[in-house]
Protein backbone atom coordinates (compact mmCIF):
# COMPACT_ATOMS: atom_id res chain seq x y z
CA MET A 1 94.23 135.62 -153.50
CA SER A 2 94.08 137.39 -150.00
CA PRO A 3 93.27 134.83 -147.03
CA PHE A 4 89.98 136.73 -146.16
CA LEU A 5 88.93 135.73 -149.82
CA ARG A 6 90.08 132.43 -149.42
CA VAL A 7 87.84 132.12 -146.32
CA LEU A 8 85.10 133.54 -147.74
CA GLU A 9 84.53 131.69 -150.89
CA ASN A 10 85.02 128.67 -148.80
CA GLU A 11 84.42 128.17 -145.21
CA VAL A 12 82.00 130.83 -144.90
CA GLN A 13 80.21 129.98 -147.97
CA ILE A 14 79.84 125.98 -146.54
CA VAL A 15 78.66 127.41 -143.08
CA ALA A 16 75.91 129.34 -144.50
CA LEU A 17 75.05 126.57 -146.90
CA LEU A 18 74.82 124.51 -144.08
CA PHE A 19 72.41 126.91 -142.04
CA LEU A 20 70.15 127.72 -144.76
CA ALA A 21 69.95 123.52 -144.93
CA SER A 22 69.27 123.24 -141.57
CA VAL A 23 66.42 125.75 -141.52
CA TYR A 24 65.09 123.90 -144.97
CA VAL A 25 65.01 120.68 -143.28
CA PHE A 26 63.27 121.95 -140.05
CA ARG A 27 60.53 123.64 -141.86
CA ILE A 28 59.67 120.49 -144.48
CA LEU A 29 59.76 118.63 -140.91
CA TRP A 30 57.29 121.22 -139.72
CA ILE A 31 55.07 121.11 -142.82
CA LEU A 32 55.19 116.97 -143.01
CA ARG A 33 52.82 117.38 -139.76
CA PHE A 34 49.97 118.50 -140.91
CA GLU A 35 48.19 116.07 -143.03
CA PRO A 36 45.72 117.75 -146.46
CA THR A 37 42.05 118.01 -145.14
CA ARG A 38 40.01 115.06 -146.87
CA GLU A 39 37.37 115.88 -149.58
CA ARG A 40 34.46 115.03 -148.68
CA THR A 41 33.30 115.56 -151.93
CA ARG A 42 32.51 112.67 -154.66
CA PRO A 43 35.59 112.28 -157.02
CA ALA A 44 35.01 114.39 -160.70
CA GLY A 45 38.60 113.57 -161.84
CA SER A 46 41.52 112.25 -161.47
CA LYS A 47 44.06 113.05 -158.73
CA ARG A 48 47.08 111.96 -160.04
CA GLU A 49 46.63 113.76 -163.24
CA GLY A 50 45.30 117.12 -160.99
CA ILE A 51 48.71 116.71 -159.18
CA ALA A 52 50.68 116.11 -162.36
CA TYR A 53 49.11 119.02 -164.33
CA SER A 54 49.56 121.79 -160.94
CA LEU A 55 53.32 120.70 -160.83
CA LEU A 56 54.12 121.18 -164.25
CA SER A 57 52.03 124.45 -164.67
CA ILE A 58 54.69 126.28 -164.43
CA SER A 59 56.32 125.20 -168.15
CA MET A 60 52.50 125.47 -169.55
CA PRO A 61 52.28 129.45 -169.52
CA TRP A 62 48.97 129.24 -171.80
CA SER A 63 47.06 127.95 -168.95
CA MET A 64 47.46 130.94 -166.93
CA GLU A 65 44.93 133.86 -168.10
CA ALA A 66 47.04 136.87 -166.57
CA LEU A 67 50.29 135.33 -168.66
CA ARG A 68 48.13 134.77 -171.94
CA LYS A 69 47.60 138.40 -172.03
CA LYS A 70 50.88 139.88 -170.90
CA PRO A 71 53.15 136.91 -172.12
CA GLY A 72 55.91 139.25 -171.28
CA PHE A 73 55.67 138.77 -167.50
CA TYR A 74 56.88 134.95 -168.48
CA VAL A 75 59.56 135.73 -170.37
CA GLN A 76 61.00 138.00 -167.49
CA PHE A 77 60.16 135.52 -165.46
CA LEU A 78 62.48 133.19 -167.64
CA ILE A 79 64.96 135.28 -167.69
CA PHE A 80 64.86 136.37 -164.21
CA HIS A 81 65.32 132.91 -162.94
CA LEU A 82 68.06 131.96 -165.21
CA GLY A 83 70.14 134.86 -164.10
CA VAL A 84 69.45 133.61 -160.41
CA THR A 85 70.61 130.33 -161.73
CA ALA A 86 73.51 131.18 -163.22
CA ALA A 87 74.98 133.87 -160.30
CA ILE A 88 74.40 130.33 -158.33
CA ALA A 89 76.32 128.32 -160.26
CA ALA A 90 79.23 130.95 -160.37
CA THR A 91 79.31 130.75 -156.66
CA PHE A 92 80.84 126.99 -157.07
CA ILE A 93 82.44 127.63 -160.22
CA ILE A 94 84.87 130.45 -158.95
CA PRO A 95 86.33 128.87 -156.25
CA TYR A 96 86.13 125.29 -157.62
CA ARG A 97 86.21 125.07 -160.94
CA PRO A 98 87.92 128.64 -161.90
CA GLU A 99 88.88 127.15 -165.06
CA LEU A 100 85.68 127.55 -166.96
CA PHE A 101 85.67 131.26 -166.54
CA ARG A 102 89.32 131.20 -168.30
CA THR A 103 87.30 130.92 -171.71
CA LYS A 104 85.78 134.01 -172.87
CA ALA A 105 83.13 132.79 -174.40
CA VAL A 106 81.79 131.29 -170.93
CA VAL A 107 82.35 134.32 -168.98
CA LEU A 108 80.56 136.48 -171.83
CA LEU A 109 77.52 133.80 -171.61
CA PHE A 110 76.89 134.11 -167.61
CA GLN A 111 77.52 137.94 -167.96
CA ILE A 112 74.71 138.24 -170.63
CA ILE A 113 72.29 135.68 -168.59
CA ILE A 114 73.08 137.81 -165.31
CA GLY A 115 73.11 141.42 -166.68
CA ALA A 116 69.53 140.61 -168.40
CA ALA A 117 68.28 139.31 -165.10
CA PHE A 118 69.43 142.49 -163.60
CA VAL A 119 67.66 144.73 -166.18
CA VAL A 120 64.37 142.40 -165.79
CA GLY A 121 65.02 142.88 -162.17
CA LEU A 122 64.99 147.01 -162.70
CA MET A 123 61.56 146.46 -164.60
CA ARG A 124 60.44 144.57 -161.92
CA LEU A 125 61.32 147.58 -159.35
CA ARG A 126 60.27 150.33 -161.46
CA ARG A 127 56.60 148.23 -161.19
CA ARG A 128 56.30 147.33 -158.16
CA LEU A 129 57.16 151.83 -157.51
CA ARG A 130 54.85 153.07 -160.46
CA ASN A 131 52.04 150.20 -160.55
CA PRO A 132 49.26 151.03 -157.59
CA ALA A 133 47.78 147.46 -157.46
CA VAL A 134 51.21 146.29 -157.01
CA ARG A 135 51.96 148.79 -154.48
CA LEU A 136 49.28 148.13 -152.36
CA ILE A 137 50.23 144.59 -152.06
CA SER A 138 53.99 145.19 -151.15
CA THR A 139 55.78 144.54 -148.78
CA PRO A 140 59.11 145.85 -147.12
CA ASP A 141 60.25 142.70 -147.66
CA ASP A 142 59.40 142.51 -151.13
CA TYR A 143 61.28 145.89 -151.89
CA PHE A 144 64.25 144.47 -149.89
CA SER A 145 64.47 141.02 -151.74
CA LEU A 146 64.33 142.91 -155.00
CA ILE A 147 66.58 145.68 -154.39
CA LEU A 148 69.03 143.14 -152.92
CA MET A 149 68.50 140.74 -155.98
CA ILE A 150 69.32 143.61 -158.25
CA LEU A 151 72.63 144.25 -156.16
CA TYR A 152 73.62 140.79 -156.71
CA PHE A 153 73.21 140.32 -160.16
CA ALA A 154 75.35 143.86 -160.74
CA ALA A 155 77.98 141.88 -158.34
CA ALA A 156 77.37 138.57 -160.08
CA VAL A 157 78.36 140.48 -163.55
CA LEU A 158 81.46 141.89 -162.52
CA ALA A 159 82.53 138.99 -160.20
CA VAL A 160 82.15 136.24 -162.95
CA PRO A 161 85.75 137.32 -164.83
CA ASN A 162 87.15 136.17 -161.59
CA ARG A 163 90.74 137.86 -162.24
CA PHE A 164 93.85 139.11 -159.75
CA PRO A 165 94.42 141.14 -157.86
CA THR A 166 92.58 143.93 -159.56
CA ALA A 167 89.31 142.77 -159.04
CA GLU A 168 89.50 141.03 -155.63
CA TRP A 169 87.15 143.51 -154.36
CA THR A 170 84.28 142.25 -156.99
CA LEU A 171 84.66 138.81 -155.50
CA VAL A 172 84.69 139.88 -151.72
CA LEU A 173 81.23 141.80 -152.35
CA PHE A 174 79.85 138.77 -154.97
CA PHE A 175 80.67 136.43 -152.31
CA GLY A 176 79.59 138.16 -149.44
CA LEU A 177 76.65 139.15 -150.48
CA THR A 178 76.19 135.26 -151.23
CA ALA A 179 76.79 134.31 -147.78
CA PHE A 180 74.06 137.29 -146.55
CA PHE A 181 71.69 135.59 -148.66
CA LEU A 182 72.01 132.15 -147.73
CA VAL A 183 71.36 133.14 -144.06
CA TYR A 184 68.92 136.00 -145.07
CA VAL A 185 67.04 133.52 -147.59
CA PRO A 186 64.87 131.14 -145.05
CA PHE A 187 63.11 134.08 -143.33
CA SER A 188 61.96 135.94 -146.58
CA LYS A 189 59.54 136.03 -149.62
CA ILE A 190 62.59 134.56 -151.32
CA SER A 191 62.15 131.14 -150.02
CA HIS A 192 58.67 130.87 -151.29
CA TYR A 193 60.26 128.03 -154.11
CA LEU A 194 60.55 125.67 -151.33
CA TYR A 195 56.78 125.81 -150.55
CA TYR A 196 56.07 125.81 -154.15
CA PRO A 197 56.31 121.56 -154.93
CA PHE A 198 53.76 121.25 -151.48
CA ALA A 199 51.28 124.01 -152.35
CA ARG A 200 51.18 123.32 -156.33
CA TYR A 201 50.82 119.44 -154.90
CA VAL A 202 47.74 119.92 -152.38
CA LEU A 203 46.44 121.95 -154.53
CA GLY A 204 46.42 119.60 -157.82
CA LYS A 205 45.23 117.09 -155.17
CA THR A 206 41.80 118.65 -154.46
CA LEU A 207 41.20 120.33 -157.88
CA GLY A 208 42.30 117.35 -159.65
CA HIS A 209 39.78 115.10 -157.45
CA ARG A 210 37.24 117.30 -158.24
CA GLY A 211 37.79 117.62 -161.89
CA VAL A 212 39.09 121.22 -162.28
CA PHE A 213 42.56 119.54 -162.98
CA PRO A 214 43.37 119.44 -165.57
CA ILE A 215 41.98 122.69 -167.15
CA LYS A 216 40.01 121.64 -170.05
CA GLU A 217 41.33 124.67 -172.58
CA ALA A 218 38.75 126.84 -174.57
CA LYS A 219 38.81 127.09 -178.40
CA GLU A 220 40.60 129.65 -178.76
CA GLU A 221 44.68 131.04 -179.94
CA THR A 222 46.99 131.70 -176.98
CA ALA A 223 50.01 133.74 -176.61
CA PHE A 224 52.51 130.59 -176.22
CA GLY A 225 51.18 127.72 -178.26
CA PRO A 226 49.17 126.44 -181.24
CA PRO A 227 45.32 126.82 -181.29
CA GLU A 228 43.92 124.85 -178.24
CA LYS A 229 41.50 122.00 -178.36
């Protein structure tokens, strides 16, 4: 391993992670300054049930009409985010637990997951470019972030075998993109996951109070589960 790659895998990643954490702490403290608007209506439901339902809705795709009609979107969502998780895990495994990637089965598993996410990323980009409605609401950051993720998945697939010295350039590419991501993400749409629990909490509290959450399920067969009661 070259001295440049050693520094890139360790010191550069740590500095970038600290930067990411600092920005996130600042943003969370800023969010916590604002108190949710007080409800002036009479309670028609449970705030706690509404909050729990709202936070867990991501694991209940049958509760969302769009996903009931097009379950493939939820499958894409799972594959894409599993790929993100595997790629992030690789950034810690390669420098600190490299022995895990000496097992071919583990390497193959990571490559399959990340490779599938790469394909989903291409599918999402194609849809964003070809669907007039989606193209209308897309911003330059949407395209840049998605293209960057596609490149990141490709780099991760190549880097996971962690072979030296012939494939060192793949590791330089992978960890270079990782460092860039850690600095760029707090200022991009990718940081939506930071706001997710806060947004879902406020939404669940409000709609739980009004008796809208949990949503009363209709009596119909869903694409993800048994007939609703």
